[in-house]
Amino acid sequence: MKIFFDLDGTLIDSKKRLYNLFCDLVQENDLSYDEYWNLKMNKVSNYDILKDKYNYSSDKVENFRSIWMSKIEQRKYLKYDIPIPGVGNFLRSLSNKHDLYVVTARQNKEGVLWQFNRFGWMNFFKNVLVTEQKRTKIQLIIEKVEQNEEIMVVGDTGKDIICGKSFDAKTVAVLTGFLNYQNLVEYKPDVIVDSVLDIKI
């Protein structure tokens, strides 16, 4: 089986990176880490937070978005990312039986490879697929699968589930990322698990 894993929120806990960048960019921020992520996991976007809580104009929100995108994958922030507990051993074991891929909407493949070397994950994956904001996950996956091939797509967002369903793949949603159970279930994944460690193949 070929298994395609999303990265942020699925294999990596990147919540601290995103929160710290938000704090750096929004000087008036008074949301705690838990308060911020409670909003985000209930599908409240940064746009909505800035408009509704801090009265940002549309121009100011757009400026925030531009700076956010330019900084979010800088190594000073990537250093905040940590693997989901136990995921290294899980990937090592799984890679002995299946072909593993990462498919992520990151902008920069170099940063992903830097993290994989840091975590000792490079040998677990057949390929690391990065959209670089130029292609979609669907476009990247379609190049790696053949007709009627058994595949699984694992992710933490509705977009990941929609992507998997476009291939008639088995879809697995994890609760380690950016949406809670109530929001994930709306996308009708085949299964919802607490983390990738709970996947049964």
Protein backbone atom coordinates (compact mmCIF):
# COMPACT_ATOMS: atom_id res chain seq x y z
CA MET A 1 0.00 0.00 0.00
CA LYS A 2 1.07 3.58 -0.65
CA ILE A 3 0.36 5.89 2.27
CA PHE A 4 0.40 9.66 1.83
CA PHE A 5 0.83 11.65 5.03
CA ASP A 6 0.16 15.31 5.49
CA LEU A 7 2.92 16.92 7.57
CA ASP A 8 1.91 19.79 9.87
CA GLY A 9 -0.61 18.62 12.44
CA THR A 10 -0.29 15.02 11.27
CA LEU A 11 3.34 13.99 11.79
CA ILE A 12 4.56 17.25 13.31
CA ASP A 13 3.07 19.39 16.05
CA SER A 14 3.49 22.89 14.62
CA LYS A 15 1.07 24.70 16.93
CA LYS A 16 3.79 26.45 18.91
CA ARG A 17 5.37 27.74 15.70
CA LEU A 18 2.11 29.24 14.47
CA TYR A 19 1.19 30.73 17.84
CA ASN A 20 4.60 32.32 18.36
CA LEU A 21 4.54 33.87 14.92
CA PHE A 22 1.03 35.21 15.58
CA CYS A 23 2.29 36.78 18.82
CA ASP A 24 5.26 38.33 17.04
CA LEU A 25 3.09 39.87 14.33
CA VAL A 26 0.14 40.96 16.49
CA GLN A 27 1.61 43.13 19.21
CA GLU A 28 -1.78 43.68 20.82
CA ASN A 29 -2.42 39.94 21.13
CA ASP A 30 -3.84 38.97 24.52
CA LEU A 31 -4.87 35.41 23.62
CA SER A 32 -3.13 32.62 25.51
CA TYR A 33 -1.83 29.61 23.58
CA ASP A 34 -4.88 27.57 24.64
CA GLU A 35 -7.33 30.36 23.81
CA TYR A 36 -5.81 30.85 20.37
CA TRP A 37 -5.93 27.15 19.51
CA ASN A 38 -9.44 26.74 20.85
CA LEU A 39 -10.52 29.30 18.28
CA LYS A 40 -8.46 27.78 15.48
CA MET A 41 -9.71 24.24 16.10
CA ASN A 42 -13.25 25.56 15.82
CA LYS A 43 -12.44 26.86 12.31
CA VAL A 44 -11.93 30.50 13.34
CA SER A 45 -9.29 31.84 10.96
CA ASN A 46 -6.56 34.37 11.67
CA TYR A 47 -8.53 36.68 9.39
CA ASP A 48 -11.60 36.41 11.64
CA ILE A 49 -9.56 36.83 14.81
CA LEU A 50 -7.88 39.97 13.50
CA LYS A 51 -11.08 41.50 12.14
CA ASP A 52 -13.41 40.62 15.00
CA LYS A 53 -11.16 40.84 18.05
CA TYR A 54 -8.59 43.45 17.07
CA ASN A 55 -10.56 45.51 14.53
CA TYR A 56 -8.02 45.12 11.76
CA SER A 57 -8.89 46.74 8.45
CA SER A 58 -8.84 44.61 5.31
CA ASP A 59 -5.56 46.24 4.27
CA LYS A 60 -3.99 45.53 7.64
CA VAL A 61 -5.13 41.90 7.50
CA GLU A 62 -3.64 41.55 4.03
CA ASN A 63 -0.35 42.98 5.28
CA PHE A 64 -0.42 40.48 8.16
CA ARG A 65 -1.05 37.62 5.71
CA SER A 66 1.84 38.69 3.48
CA ILE A 67 4.31 38.91 6.36
CA TRP A 68 2.99 35.65 7.84
CA MET A 69 3.65 33.77 4.60
CA SER A 70 7.14 35.23 4.33
CA LYS A 71 8.10 34.17 7.87
CA ILE A 72 6.17 30.99 8.67
CA GLU A 73 8.83 28.65 7.25
CA GLN A 74 11.89 30.49 8.50
CA ARG A 75 14.12 28.22 10.54
CA LYS A 76 13.81 30.41 13.63
CA TYR A 77 10.14 29.36 13.67
CA LEU A 78 10.53 25.82 12.29
CA LYS A 79 12.68 25.09 15.35
CA TYR A 80 9.48 25.21 17.43
CA ASP A 81 8.09 22.15 15.60
CA ILE A 82 8.28 18.77 17.32
CA PRO A 83 7.31 15.30 16.11
CA ILE A 84 4.00 13.89 17.33
CA PRO A 85 5.08 11.65 20.27
CA GLY A 86 6.08 8.17 19.08
CA VAL A 87 5.82 8.97 15.37
CA GLY A 88 9.46 8.19 14.56
CA ASN A 89 9.22 4.56 15.67
CA PHE A 90 5.80 4.28 14.03
CA LEU A 91 7.17 5.44 10.67
CA ARG A 92 10.19 3.17 10.92
CA SER A 93 7.98 0.12 11.47
CA LEU A 94 5.43 1.09 8.81
CA SER A 95 8.09 1.81 6.18
CA ASN A 96 9.17 -1.84 6.32
CA LYS A 97 5.80 -2.94 4.97
CA HIS A 98 4.43 -0.03 2.93
CA ASP A 99 5.57 2.81 0.66
CA LEU A 100 5.36 6.05 2.60
CA TYR A 101 5.11 9.55 1.17
CA VAL A 102 4.73 13.00 2.69
CA VAL A 103 2.59 15.47 0.79
CA THR A 104 2.50 18.97 2.23
CA ALA A 105 1.31 22.44 1.25
CA ARG A 106 4.52 24.00 2.52
CA GLN A 107 6.18 26.67 0.35
CA ASN A 108 9.75 25.47 0.70
CA LYS A 109 10.99 21.90 0.30
CA GLU A 110 14.37 22.80 1.78
CA GLY A 111 12.79 23.51 5.16
CA VAL A 112 10.93 20.19 5.12
CA LEU A 113 14.13 18.25 4.35
CA TRP A 114 15.98 20.17 7.06
CA GLN A 115 13.36 19.05 9.58
CA PHE A 116 13.42 15.45 8.34
CA ASN A 117 17.18 15.29 8.77
CA ARG A 118 16.79 16.82 12.21
CA PHE A 119 14.21 14.20 13.21
CA GLY A 120 16.01 11.28 11.53
CA TRP A 121 13.10 10.53 9.16
CA MET A 122 14.72 10.70 5.72
CA ASN A 123 15.00 6.94 5.19
CA PHE A 124 11.35 6.27 6.01
CA PHE A 125 9.86 7.91 2.90
CA LYS A 126 9.90 7.09 -0.79
CA ASN A 127 9.44 10.76 -1.60
CA VAL A 128 8.67 14.13 -0.02
CA LEU A 129 6.09 16.03 -2.09
CA VAL A 130 5.79 19.78 -1.53
CA THR A 131 3.22 21.94 -3.33
CA GLU A 132 5.37 25.08 -2.99
CA GLN A 133 2.09 26.99 -3.51
CA LYS A 134 2.39 26.11 -7.20
CA ARG A 135 0.58 22.78 -7.40
CA THR A 136 -2.12 20.97 -5.44
CA LYS A 137 -1.72 17.88 -3.31
CA ILE A 138 -3.96 16.05 -5.78
CA GLN A 139 -1.62 16.93 -8.65
CA LEU A 140 1.39 15.68 -6.70
CA ILE A 141 -0.22 12.42 -5.61
CA ILE A 142 -1.62 11.53 -9.02
CA GLU A 143 1.92 11.27 -10.39
CA LYS A 144 2.79 8.61 -7.81
CA VAL A 145 -0.15 6.24 -8.11
CA GLU A 146 -1.33 3.82 -10.75
CA GLN A 147 -4.87 2.87 -11.63
CA ASN A 148 -6.55 0.60 -9.06
CA GLU A 149 -3.57 0.90 -6.72
CA GLU A 150 -4.42 0.70 -3.01
CA ILE A 151 -3.66 4.00 -1.29
CA MET A 152 -4.37 5.76 1.96
CA VAL A 153 -4.36 9.50 2.67
CA VAL A 154 -3.79 10.68 6.25
CA GLY A 155 -4.27 14.26 7.38
CA ASP A 156 -5.70 16.66 9.90
CA THR A 157 -7.86 18.91 7.71
CA GLY A 158 -10.92 18.71 5.54
CA LYS A 159 -8.78 19.44 2.48
CA ASP A 160 -6.74 16.31 3.17
CA ILE A 161 -9.89 14.20 3.33
CA ILE A 162 -11.28 15.73 0.14
CA CYS A 163 -7.94 15.05 -1.54
CA GLY A 164 -8.02 11.38 -0.53
CA LYS A 165 -11.61 10.92 -1.64
CA SER A 166 -10.72 12.21 -5.10
CA PHE A 167 -8.60 9.05 -5.51
CA ASP A 168 -11.14 6.77 -3.84
CA ALA A 169 -8.43 6.25 -1.22
CA LYS A 170 -8.99 5.20 2.36
CA THR A 171 -9.06 8.46 4.30
CA VAL A 172 -7.84 8.85 7.87
CA ALA A 173 -8.30 12.05 9.87
CA VAL A 174 -6.16 12.70 12.94
CA LEU A 175 -6.97 14.86 15.96
CA THR A 176 -3.41 16.09 16.54
CA GLY A 177 -3.81 19.02 14.17
CA PHE A 178 -5.94 22.03 13.46
CA LEU A 179 -9.53 20.78 13.62
CA ASN A 180 -11.54 19.08 16.34
CA TYR A 181 -13.64 15.94 15.97
CA GLN A 182 -16.90 17.80 15.33
CA ASN A 183 -15.40 19.68 12.41
CA LEU A 184 -13.52 16.73 10.93
CA VAL A 185 -16.53 14.41 10.96
CA GLU A 186 -18.31 16.76 8.54
CA TYR A 187 -15.88 15.65 5.82
CA LYS A 188 -16.81 11.97 6.33
CA PRO A 189 -13.36 10.39 6.51
CA ASP A 190 -13.31 6.61 6.71
CA VAL A 191 -11.93 6.85 10.22
CA ILE A 192 -10.95 9.49 12.77
CA VAL A 193 -8.13 8.64 15.19
CA ASP A 194 -6.43 10.45 18.02
CA SER A 195 -3.06 10.30 16.26
CA VAL A 196 -1.29 8.42 13.45
CA LEU A 197 -0.16 5.87 16.05
CA ASP A 198 -3.77 4.63 16.20
CA ILE A 199 -4.02 3.80 12.50
CA LYS A 200 -4.84 0.14 11.85
CA ILE A 201 -3.70 -1.25 8.49
